[in-house]
Amino acid sequence: MRRLVVMVSGSGTNLQALIDAIADRQIAHAEIVLVVSNRKGAYALTRAEQSGIPTLYFPLKPYHDDGRSRADYDTDLAQAIAPYQPDLIVLAGWMHILGETFLARFPQQVINLHPALPGMFAGTHAIERAFEAYQRGEIPETGCMIHYVIPEVDAGAVILQRVVPIQPDDTLADFEARLHQTEHALIVEAVAQLTALSEDDS
């Protein structure tokens, strides 16, 4: 059984998609052993607790307040996660950039869901930026991807990607809802694929 750590900052709808997929065996060879959030009020923590999954609240602010570096934060965060022995760390709406200090502790084990296609709209507010670019006639469509995490933001090797069309009469809310539905399916497919491969190799 592959051990998953899911890292979140918000409401946790992608986390819920993973919890549900594990429960109904769409993801057959994995369990979520820890949910980590940098935000105390993240509803994702409630989702985890309701499912009996251990949680960890690990904020950055105390490090800023004490004059400690992001590398210090990354080192301590990795140290806190390591006892859970994750096979795969899934960033599902995690809103901090993880640096080399963290990634070196878990090589080729950290994946991220990003609401844009490879090479487009890296970083924050990708959904809004894509919608605005469509309205300006700069792109015909957008999408989402699962990729391995490297220090360069949203630039790691792509695992899976999906195109998400934007309709001429879409509001931002319409488009965002369609994109999130695609994200939920894509993150489940990617985790199922990666954990199945790992299970076969073990």
Protein backbone atom coordinates (compact mmCIF):
# COMPACT_ATOMS: atom_id res chain seq x y z
CA MET A 1 0.00 0.00 0.00
CA ARG A 2 1.45 3.35 -1.06
CA ARG A 3 1.51 6.12 1.53
CA LEU A 4 0.24 9.55 0.45
CA VAL A 5 0.74 12.93 2.08
CA VAL A 6 -1.60 15.59 0.66
CA MET A 7 -0.68 19.27 1.10
CA VAL A 8 -3.44 21.87 0.89
CA SER A 9 -4.14 25.53 1.60
CA GLY A 10 -7.87 25.91 0.92
CA SER A 11 -11.22 24.18 0.86
CA GLY A 12 -9.86 20.80 -0.16
CA THR A 13 -12.13 19.78 -3.01
CA ASN A 14 -9.26 17.96 -4.70
CA LEU A 15 -8.40 16.30 -1.40
CA GLN A 16 -12.03 15.17 -1.20
CA ALA A 17 -11.78 13.74 -4.71
CA LEU A 18 -8.80 11.65 -3.56
CA ILE A 19 -10.52 10.55 -0.35
CA ASP A 20 -13.60 9.45 -2.33
CA ALA A 21 -11.51 7.71 -5.00
CA ILE A 22 -9.64 5.71 -2.38
CA ALA A 23 -12.90 4.78 -0.67
CA ASP A 24 -14.45 3.45 -3.89
CA ARG A 25 -11.18 1.83 -5.05
CA GLN A 26 -10.57 4.02 -8.08
CA ILE A 27 -7.23 4.41 -6.34
CA ALA A 28 -6.65 0.86 -5.24
CA HIS A 29 -3.14 0.80 -3.80
CA ALA A 30 -2.86 3.93 -1.68
CA GLU A 31 -3.91 5.51 1.59
CA ILE A 32 -3.66 9.11 2.78
CA VAL A 33 -1.54 9.07 5.93
CA LEU A 34 -1.36 12.83 6.52
CA VAL A 35 -2.94 16.09 5.34
CA VAL A 36 -0.78 19.20 5.75
CA SER A 37 -2.01 22.80 5.59
CA ASN A 38 -0.23 26.12 5.98
CA ARG A 39 -3.57 27.76 6.83
CA LYS A 40 -5.34 27.00 10.09
CA GLY A 41 -8.77 27.81 8.70
CA ALA A 42 -8.46 25.62 5.62
CA TYR A 43 -11.62 23.52 5.30
CA ALA A 44 -9.41 20.75 3.92
CA LEU A 45 -8.31 20.05 7.50
CA THR A 46 -11.93 19.49 8.47
CA ARG A 47 -12.40 17.13 5.53
CA ALA A 48 -9.39 15.14 6.67
CA GLU A 49 -10.53 15.00 10.28
CA GLN A 50 -14.00 13.86 9.22
CA SER A 51 -12.34 10.99 7.35
CA GLY A 52 -10.09 10.04 10.25
CA ILE A 53 -6.90 11.24 8.54
CA PRO A 54 -4.14 12.82 10.68
CA THR A 55 -3.55 16.52 10.04
CA LEU A 56 -0.65 18.91 10.43
CA TYR A 57 -0.97 22.70 10.55
CA PHE A 58 2.40 24.18 9.60
CA PRO A 59 2.32 27.96 9.07
CA LEU A 60 5.06 30.09 7.55
CA LYS A 61 4.29 33.25 9.53
CA PRO A 62 6.20 32.28 12.70
CA TYR A 63 9.32 31.86 10.58
CA HIS A 64 8.90 35.34 9.11
CA ASP A 65 8.21 36.78 12.55
CA ASP A 66 11.37 35.20 13.99
CA GLY A 67 13.57 36.18 11.06
CA ARG A 68 14.03 32.59 9.96
CA SER A 69 14.39 31.76 6.26
CA ARG A 70 12.22 29.88 3.80
CA ALA A 71 14.93 27.22 3.75
CA ASP A 72 14.47 26.86 7.52
CA TYR A 73 10.74 26.43 6.99
CA ASP A 74 11.27 23.87 4.22
CA THR A 75 13.75 21.91 6.34
CA ASP A 76 11.44 21.77 9.34
CA LEU A 77 8.39 20.94 7.21
CA ALA A 78 10.25 18.05 5.58
CA GLN A 79 11.35 16.88 9.02
CA ALA A 80 7.73 16.93 10.23
CA ILE A 81 6.49 14.94 7.23
CA ALA A 82 9.33 12.39 7.07
CA PRO A 83 8.09 10.15 9.95
CA TYR A 84 4.96 9.41 7.89
CA GLN A 85 7.23 7.77 5.28
CA PRO A 86 5.38 9.10 2.22
CA ASP A 87 5.75 7.36 -1.11
CA LEU A 88 4.06 10.30 -2.84
CA ILE A 89 3.42 13.89 -1.75
CA VAL A 90 0.51 15.52 -3.57
CA LEU A 91 0.23 19.30 -3.69
CA ALA A 92 -3.51 19.82 -4.11
CA GLY A 93 -3.97 23.56 -3.83
CA TRP A 94 -0.85 24.12 -1.71
CA MET A 95 -0.02 27.82 -2.04
CA HIS A 96 3.65 27.90 -1.02
CA ILE A 97 6.61 27.35 -3.30
CA LEU A 98 8.70 24.45 -2.01
CA GLY A 99 12.43 24.91 -2.47
CA GLU A 100 15.34 22.59 -3.03
CA THR A 101 15.74 22.00 0.71
CA PHE A 102 12.34 20.29 0.85
CA LEU A 103 12.45 18.63 -2.56
CA ALA A 104 15.87 17.07 -1.97
CA ARG A 105 14.39 15.21 1.01
CA PHE A 106 11.72 13.62 -1.21
CA PRO A 107 13.29 13.24 -4.68
CA GLN A 108 10.79 12.56 -7.50
CA GLN A 109 8.08 12.08 -4.89
CA VAL A 110 6.34 15.48 -5.00
CA ILE A 111 3.64 16.21 -7.59
CA ASN A 112 1.49 19.27 -8.12
CA LEU A 113 -1.89 20.03 -9.65
CA HIS A 114 -1.77 23.27 -11.64
CA PRO A 115 -4.80 24.81 -13.42
CA ALA A 116 -3.04 25.57 -16.70
CA LEU A 117 -1.33 23.73 -19.54
CA PRO A 118 2.46 23.23 -19.65
CA GLY A 119 4.39 26.43 -20.21
CA MET A 120 1.37 28.67 -19.68
CA PHE A 121 0.24 30.78 -16.71
CA ALA A 122 2.74 29.49 -14.16
CA GLY A 123 2.20 30.65 -10.60
CA THR A 124 -0.88 32.07 -8.93
CA HIS A 125 -4.26 33.15 -10.37
CA ALA A 126 -3.79 30.94 -13.43
CA ILE A 127 -7.52 30.44 -13.93
CA GLU A 128 -8.29 34.15 -13.99
CA ARG A 129 -5.28 34.91 -16.18
CA ALA A 130 -6.30 32.23 -18.70
CA PHE A 131 -9.89 33.47 -18.82
CA GLU A 132 -8.73 37.03 -19.42
CA ALA A 133 -6.33 35.88 -22.14
CA TYR A 134 -9.18 34.02 -23.85
CA GLN A 135 -11.36 37.11 -23.73
CA ARG A 136 -8.56 39.09 -25.39
CA GLY A 137 -8.37 36.48 -28.14
CA GLU A 138 -4.87 35.36 -27.16
CA ILE A 139 -5.65 31.66 -26.52
CA PRO A 140 -8.36 29.32 -27.85
CA GLU A 141 -8.44 27.09 -24.75
CA THR A 142 -6.67 26.26 -21.52
CA GLY A 143 -6.47 23.24 -19.23
CA CYS A 144 -4.81 21.69 -16.22
CA MET A 145 -1.90 19.40 -15.52
CA ILE A 146 -0.23 17.20 -12.94
CA HIS A 147 3.55 17.59 -12.90
CA TYR A 148 6.57 16.70 -10.82
CA VAL A 149 7.68 19.56 -8.61
CA ILE A 150 11.05 21.20 -9.16
CA PRO A 151 12.35 24.50 -7.73
CA GLU A 152 11.19 26.35 -10.86
CA VAL A 153 7.48 27.07 -10.44
CA ASP A 154 5.11 24.82 -12.43
CA ALA A 155 7.93 23.73 -14.75
CA GLY A 156 8.54 20.09 -13.80
CA ALA A 157 7.98 17.09 -16.05
CA VAL A 158 4.31 16.66 -16.93
CA ILE A 159 2.59 13.47 -15.80
CA LEU A 160 -0.90 14.11 -17.20
CA GLN A 161 -2.67 17.06 -18.77
CA ARG A 162 -6.17 17.85 -20.01
CA VAL A 163 -7.52 20.59 -22.24
CA VAL A 164 -10.48 22.50 -20.84
CA PRO A 165 -12.47 24.52 -23.39
CA ILE A 166 -13.71 28.02 -22.71
CA GLN A 167 -17.12 28.76 -24.20
CA PRO A 168 -17.90 32.17 -25.71
CA ASP A 169 -20.75 32.76 -23.26
CA ASP A 170 -18.87 31.51 -20.18
CA THR A 171 -18.67 33.64 -17.09
CA LEU A 172 -15.52 33.19 -15.02
CA ALA A 173 -17.59 31.15 -12.56
CA ASP A 174 -18.85 28.84 -15.34
CA PHE A 175 -15.36 28.25 -16.65
CA GLU A 176 -13.88 27.80 -13.19
CA ALA A 177 -16.47 25.15 -12.30
CA ARG A 178 -15.69 23.22 -15.50
CA LEU A 179 -11.97 23.42 -14.84
CA HIS A 180 -12.31 22.22 -11.25
CA GLN A 181 -14.34 19.21 -12.40
CA THR A 182 -11.51 18.32 -14.76
CA GLU A 183 -8.93 18.84 -12.01
CA HIS A 184 -10.74 16.40 -9.71
CA ALA A 185 -10.72 13.68 -12.36
CA LEU A 186 -7.12 14.37 -13.37
CA ILE A 187 -5.66 14.25 -9.86
CA VAL A 188 -7.40 10.93 -9.20
CA GLU A 189 -6.14 9.49 -12.49
CA ALA A 190 -2.58 10.63 -11.85
CA VAL A 191 -2.41 9.32 -8.30
CA ALA A 192 -3.97 6.02 -9.35
CA GLN A 193 -1.43 5.70 -12.15
CA LEU A 194 1.58 6.57 -10.01
CA THR A 195 0.60 4.38 -7.08
CA ALA A 196 -0.23 1.44 -9.33
CA LEU A 197 3.21 1.68 -10.94
CA SER A 198 4.83 1.88 -7.54
CA GLU A 199 2.89 -1.12 -6.30
CA ASP A 200 3.98 -3.17 -9.30
CA ASP A 201 7.59 -2.17 -8.76
CA SER A 202 7.67 -2.97 -5.06
